[in-house]
Amino acid sequence: MAPDDLAQLDKTVAPDLAGGVYCRLSTRLNPFLMCQAFAREAQRLGALVLTHREVTGIVVHHGRVHGVKTGGRTVPCLVVVNAAGPNAARVAAMVGVHLPVVLNLGVLVVTERLPRMGIRIKGECTEEDAGARNLDPLESRYDVHFVFSQTTSGNCLIGRSGQRVIEPERFGLDAVTAILHRACRFIPSLARATVLRTFSGIRPYSPDLLPILGPVDEPRGYVVAAGFGDKGIALGPAGAALVARSILEGYNTIPARFLPSRFSRTGESHLKAKGATGGDDVRS
């Protein structure tokens, strides 16, 4: 829509924006509540959910998974699904599998409760060329893009940043400053808002930005569902359905472009590292 139409639709945005796009189907959800809802439904269907239990090893006998070590106990099983998100590479290494997961640290800002600010969800859509967006150095360094939503209680969630890291780490106030500077460019009235808190999270990407789904060559019974990046909420359910169908039908039905073996540097799978870093590996 043209700038005049955008100003009529949402009077809180800056008056000099080039225009906008309005989608009636856009929505949002709380990922924490969604995860809890999935867990409750799984329990209703008979699943055992163990919380606050770190996975310390995978039991492998003769090239096949036989259990998971966690919390001082071993849970026997013939299939393990590695859906450990940012920790997927570490859990894969327990069976000698290398997963090339790239960690991206993101930050969000939460404000005080504010009066309703026009359209509930706002976001930035600009050219891929960062120079065309006239970013300041901080915004460029932390790959800041403006995203905004307001909860039913009135608190505003503002983001977002992205920074490649080797290990999960704390973020500095520079990232927060860059986020708020960018947000005020789109919604000037946010300059008067009070920030209550900030929080961060890790987005685990694959090198080609596609999910890593399906079984590895060895050990048998070890399946991966990782590397969704910032698309986990959108693509996670479909990825889970593909993995579940492949397990239940007894043979792989997942397209080759998602399989872990696509990261092989030769014609054969390169995923199996030399030696496991955890678990009872007594393969022969």
Protein backbone atom coordinates (compact mmCIF):
# COMPACT_ATOMS: atom_id res chain seq x y z
CA MET A 1 0.00 0.00 0.00
CA ALA A 2 1.06 3.61 -0.59
CA PRO A 3 2.42 5.81 2.25
CA ASP A 4 -0.92 7.64 2.62
CA ASP A 5 -2.82 4.37 2.90
CA LEU A 6 -0.31 3.08 5.45
CA ALA A 7 -0.72 6.21 7.56
CA GLN A 8 -4.51 5.78 7.51
CA LEU A 9 -4.30 2.11 8.49
CA ASP A 10 -1.78 2.57 11.30
CA LYS A 11 -1.22 6.05 12.71
CA THR A 12 1.64 4.95 14.99
CA VAL A 13 4.16 4.37 12.20
CA ALA A 14 6.58 7.00 10.93
CA PRO A 15 4.97 9.26 8.30
CA ASP A 16 7.85 9.03 5.81
CA LEU A 17 7.90 5.27 5.24
CA ALA A 18 7.85 4.15 1.61
CA GLY A 19 4.74 1.99 2.07
CA GLY A 20 3.55 -1.25 3.55
CA VAL A 21 1.89 -4.63 3.12
CA TYR A 22 -1.13 -5.75 5.14
CA CYS A 23 -1.99 -9.41 5.60
CA ARG A 24 -5.20 -10.33 7.41
CA LEU A 25 -3.88 -13.85 8.11
CA SER A 26 -0.83 -12.77 10.12
CA THR A 27 -0.87 -13.90 13.72
CA ARG A 28 1.41 -14.75 16.62
CA LEU A 29 1.69 -17.34 19.36
CA ASN A 30 3.57 -17.90 22.59
CA PRO A 31 6.23 -20.59 21.92
CA PHE A 32 6.58 -21.44 25.62
CA LEU A 33 2.87 -22.14 26.03
CA MET A 34 2.82 -24.03 22.74
CA CYS A 35 5.66 -26.29 23.86
CA GLN A 36 3.87 -27.01 27.14
CA ALA A 37 0.67 -27.80 25.24
CA PHE A 38 2.54 -30.28 23.01
CA ALA A 39 4.02 -31.92 26.11
CA ARG A 40 0.60 -32.28 27.75
CA GLU A 41 -0.88 -33.81 24.62
CA ALA A 42 2.05 -36.23 24.35
CA GLN A 43 1.49 -37.29 27.97
CA ARG A 44 -2.20 -37.78 27.28
CA LEU A 45 -1.22 -40.16 24.49
CA GLY A 46 1.06 -42.13 26.81
CA ALA A 47 4.44 -40.41 26.53
CA LEU A 48 6.75 -40.11 29.54
CA VAL A 49 8.12 -36.55 29.81
CA LEU A 50 11.27 -36.11 31.92
CA THR A 51 12.15 -32.51 32.78
CA HIS A 52 15.40 -31.08 34.14
CA ARG A 53 17.23 -34.22 32.99
CA GLU A 54 20.36 -33.68 30.96
CA VAL A 55 21.20 -36.26 28.32
CA THR A 56 24.66 -37.55 29.21
CA GLY A 57 25.11 -40.34 26.67
CA ILE A 58 23.58 -42.58 24.02
CA VAL A 59 23.92 -46.35 24.43
CA VAL A 60 25.04 -48.01 21.19
CA HIS A 61 25.64 -51.75 20.67
CA HIS A 62 26.85 -53.25 17.40
CA GLY A 63 26.07 -50.12 15.39
CA ARG A 64 22.53 -49.65 16.72
CA VAL A 65 20.97 -47.35 19.31
CA HIS A 66 19.78 -49.13 22.46
CA GLY A 67 19.09 -46.37 24.97
CA VAL A 68 19.59 -42.86 26.33
CA LYS A 69 21.44 -41.99 29.53
CA THR A 70 19.85 -39.17 31.49
CA GLY A 71 19.56 -38.19 35.12
CA GLY A 72 21.38 -41.24 36.47
CA ARG A 73 19.17 -43.68 34.58
CA THR A 74 19.13 -45.33 31.17
CA VAL A 75 15.96 -45.20 29.12
CA PRO A 76 15.93 -48.23 26.78
CA CYS A 77 14.91 -47.59 23.18
CA LEU A 78 15.69 -48.58 19.62
CA VAL A 79 15.15 -45.11 18.11
CA VAL A 80 16.52 -41.76 19.30
CA VAL A 81 15.36 -38.49 17.74
CA ASN A 82 17.83 -35.67 18.24
CA ALA A 83 15.64 -32.57 18.44
CA ALA A 84 17.96 -30.73 20.83
CA GLY A 85 17.95 -27.41 18.98
CA PRO A 86 21.09 -25.40 19.87
CA ASN A 87 22.53 -28.51 21.57
CA ALA A 88 21.89 -30.83 18.62
CA ALA A 89 25.55 -30.94 17.59
CA ARG A 90 26.66 -31.88 21.11
CA VAL A 91 24.05 -34.65 21.39
CA ALA A 92 25.02 -35.94 17.93
CA ALA A 93 28.68 -36.08 18.95
CA MET A 94 27.71 -38.57 21.67
CA VAL A 95 27.40 -41.20 18.94
CA GLY A 96 30.23 -39.92 16.79
CA VAL A 97 28.02 -37.97 14.40
CA HIS A 98 29.00 -34.50 13.20
CA LEU A 99 26.16 -32.03 12.67
CA PRO A 100 27.18 -28.68 11.13
CA VAL A 101 24.77 -26.56 13.20
CA VAL A 102 25.38 -22.80 13.08
CA LEU A 103 24.38 -20.86 16.21
CA ASN A 104 22.81 -17.41 15.84
CA LEU A 105 22.24 -15.33 18.98
CA GLY A 106 19.12 -13.15 18.91
CA VAL A 107 17.80 -10.54 21.32
CA LEU A 108 14.28 -9.24 22.03
CA VAL A 109 13.17 -6.27 24.15
CA VAL A 110 10.02 -6.07 26.30
CA THR A 111 8.45 -2.70 27.20
CA GLU A 112 6.01 -1.56 29.83
CA ARG A 113 2.30 -1.86 29.09
CA LEU A 114 1.26 0.69 26.50
CA PRO A 115 -2.04 1.72 24.92
CA ARG A 116 -2.98 -0.24 21.82
CA MET A 117 -0.59 0.75 19.03
CA GLY A 118 -2.39 0.19 15.77
CA ILE A 119 -1.90 -3.09 13.92
CA ARG A 120 -0.89 -5.81 16.35
CA ILE A 121 2.05 -7.17 14.33
CA LYS A 122 4.54 -5.00 12.49
CA GLY A 123 7.69 -5.95 10.68
CA GLU A 124 10.33 -4.62 8.37
CA CYS A 125 10.61 -5.78 4.78
CA THR A 126 13.50 -4.13 2.95
CA GLU A 127 16.10 -4.78 0.29
CA GLU A 128 18.60 -7.53 0.98
CA ASP A 129 21.41 -5.01 0.48
CA ALA A 130 22.09 -3.62 3.95
CA GLY A 131 23.52 -0.44 2.40
CA ALA A 132 20.14 0.36 0.91
CA ARG A 133 18.67 0.46 4.41
CA ASN A 134 21.12 3.12 5.65
CA LEU A 135 21.92 1.12 8.75
CA ASP A 136 24.14 2.63 11.39
CA PRO A 137 27.23 0.59 12.39
CA LEU A 138 25.56 -1.05 15.41
CA GLU A 139 22.51 -2.11 13.42
CA SER A 140 24.74 -3.58 10.74
CA ARG A 141 27.02 -5.37 13.22
CA TYR A 142 24.10 -7.07 14.97
CA ASP A 143 22.00 -7.64 11.82
CA VAL A 144 19.06 -5.74 13.28
CA HIS A 145 15.64 -5.96 11.64
CA PHE A 146 12.57 -4.27 13.03
CA VAL A 147 9.86 -6.60 14.31
CA PHE A 148 7.10 -5.64 16.71
CA SER A 149 4.09 -7.19 18.37
CA GLN A 150 1.93 -6.15 21.29
CA THR A 151 0.48 -8.63 23.75
CA THR A 152 -3.11 -8.53 24.91
CA SER A 153 -1.87 -7.06 28.21
CA GLY A 154 -0.22 -4.16 26.37
CA ASN A 155 3.47 -5.07 26.66
CA CYS A 156 5.41 -4.64 23.42
CA LEU A 157 7.93 -7.17 22.13
CA ILE A 158 10.54 -5.50 19.96
CA GLY A 159 13.37 -7.02 17.98
CA ARG A 160 15.31 -8.39 16.49
CA SER A 161 19.07 -8.93 16.27
CA GLY A 162 21.26 -11.76 14.98
CA GLN A 163 24.86 -12.57 15.74
CA ARG A 164 26.76 -15.72 14.83
CA VAL A 165 28.42 -17.29 17.88
CA ILE A 166 30.47 -20.39 18.58
CA GLU A 167 28.87 -21.11 21.95
CA PRO A 168 25.76 -19.63 23.62
CA GLU A 169 26.85 -16.43 25.33
CA ARG A 170 25.51 -13.33 27.00
CA PHE A 171 24.67 -10.37 24.86
CA GLY A 172 25.72 -6.78 25.46
CA LEU A 173 23.69 -3.60 25.63
CA ASP A 174 24.96 -2.59 22.18
CA ALA A 175 22.52 -5.06 20.61
CA VAL A 176 19.66 -3.64 22.67
CA THR A 177 20.61 -0.09 21.72
CA ALA A 178 20.63 -1.01 18.04
CA ILE A 179 17.22 -2.71 18.29
CA LEU A 180 15.62 0.28 20.00
CA HIS A 181 17.19 2.74 17.57
CA ARG A 182 15.77 0.80 14.63
CA ALA A 183 12.35 0.45 16.28
CA CYS A 184 12.04 4.18 16.92
CA ARG A 185 12.70 4.79 13.24
CA PHE A 186 9.49 2.90 12.40
CA ILE A 187 7.38 3.78 15.48
CA PRO A 188 8.63 7.15 16.85
CA SER A 189 6.41 7.04 19.97
CA LEU A 190 8.45 4.08 21.30
CA ALA A 191 11.15 6.58 22.23
CA ARG A 192 9.04 7.46 25.30
CA ALA A 193 8.46 3.86 26.39
CA THR A 194 10.17 2.19 29.33
CA VAL A 195 11.99 -1.09 28.78
CA LEU A 196 11.18 -3.70 31.45
CA ARG A 197 13.48 -6.53 30.40
CA THR A 198 15.40 -8.14 27.58
CA PHE A 199 15.94 -11.79 26.74
CA SER A 200 17.93 -13.74 24.22
CA GLY A 201 17.83 -17.08 22.47
CA ILE A 202 19.79 -19.19 20.03
CA ARG A 203 18.58 -19.92 16.51
CA PRO A 204 20.24 -23.14 15.28
CA TYR A 205 20.67 -22.99 11.49
CA SER A 206 22.06 -25.52 9.06
CA PRO A 207 24.71 -24.26 6.59
CA ASP A 208 22.20 -24.27 3.70
CA LEU A 209 19.34 -22.89 5.88
CA LEU A 210 17.21 -26.01 5.37
CA PRO A 211 16.20 -28.27 8.28
CA ILE A 212 18.29 -31.38 8.97
CA LEU A 213 15.83 -34.25 9.03
CA GLY A 214 16.05 -38.01 8.99
CA PRO A 215 18.29 -40.95 9.91
CA VAL A 216 22.08 -40.97 9.85
CA ASP A 217 24.01 -43.82 8.28
CA GLU A 218 25.30 -45.07 11.63
CA PRO A 219 24.30 -45.85 14.29
CA ARG A 220 21.02 -47.28 13.09
CA GLY A 221 18.02 -45.86 14.87
CA TYR A 222 19.55 -42.40 15.31
CA VAL A 223 17.38 -39.73 13.69
CA VAL A 224 17.90 -35.97 13.49
CA ALA A 225 15.34 -33.16 13.57
CA ALA A 226 17.37 -29.97 13.89
CA GLY A 227 18.68 -26.88 12.10
CA PHE A 228 15.36 -25.04 11.71
CA GLY A 229 16.87 -21.63 12.50
CA ASP A 230 14.15 -19.02 12.99
CA LYS A 231 11.55 -21.18 11.19
CA GLY A 232 11.07 -23.77 13.92
CA ILE A 233 7.57 -22.62 14.85
CA ALA A 234 6.46 -22.64 11.21
CA LEU A 235 8.28 -25.74 9.95
CA GLY A 236 8.62 -27.82 13.12
CA PRO A 237 5.24 -29.61 12.94
CA ALA A 238 5.75 -30.59 9.30
CA GLY A 239 9.30 -31.72 10.04
CA ALA A 240 8.06 -33.81 12.97
CA ALA A 241 5.44 -35.44 10.75
CA LEU A 242 8.09 -36.40 8.18
CA VAL A 243 10.36 -37.87 10.85
CA ALA A 244 7.54 -39.75 12.59
CA ARG A 245 6.27 -41.22 9.31
CA SER A 246 9.77 -42.34 8.37
CA ILE A 247 10.21 -44.10 11.73
CA LEU A 248 6.80 -45.74 11.81
CA GLU A 249 6.92 -46.95 8.22
CA GLY A 250 10.32 -48.55 8.77
CA TYR A 251 12.12 -46.86 5.87
CA ASN A 252 13.16 -43.33 5.02
CA THR A 253 10.53 -41.22 3.26
CA ILE A 254 12.25 -37.85 3.72
CA PRO A 255 13.44 -35.97 0.60
CA ALA A 256 17.21 -36.09 0.05
CA ARG A 257 17.58 -32.31 0.32
CA PHE A 258 16.73 -32.54 4.04
CA LEU A 259 18.78 -35.61 4.98
CA PRO A 260 21.89 -35.27 7.18
CA SER A 261 23.96 -37.03 4.51
CA ARG A 262 23.72 -33.99 2.22
CA PHE A 263 26.65 -32.46 4.07
CA SER A 264 28.95 -35.26 2.92
CA ARG A 265 32.16 -33.96 1.39
CA THR A 266 32.56 -37.14 -0.64
CA GLY A 267 30.11 -39.45 -2.32
CA GLU A 268 29.67 -41.27 0.99
CA SER A 269 28.40 -39.97 4.31
CA HIS A 270 30.86 -37.71 6.10
CA LEU A 271 28.67 -37.36 9.19
CA LYS A 272 30.21 -40.17 11.21
CA ALA A 273 33.12 -38.76 13.16
CA LYS A 274 36.01 -40.84 14.45
CA GLY A 275 35.01 -42.09 17.86
CA ALA A 276 32.09 -41.12 20.08
CA THR A 277 32.31 -38.55 22.84
CA GLY A 278 29.75 -40.10 25.13
CA GLY A 279 27.63 -43.16 25.82
CA ASP A 280 28.47 -46.84 25.80
CA ASP A 281 29.94 -47.42 22.37
CA VAL A 282 30.76 -51.10 22.01
CA ARG A 283 30.22 -51.42 18.26
CA SER A 284 31.91 -54.20 16.34
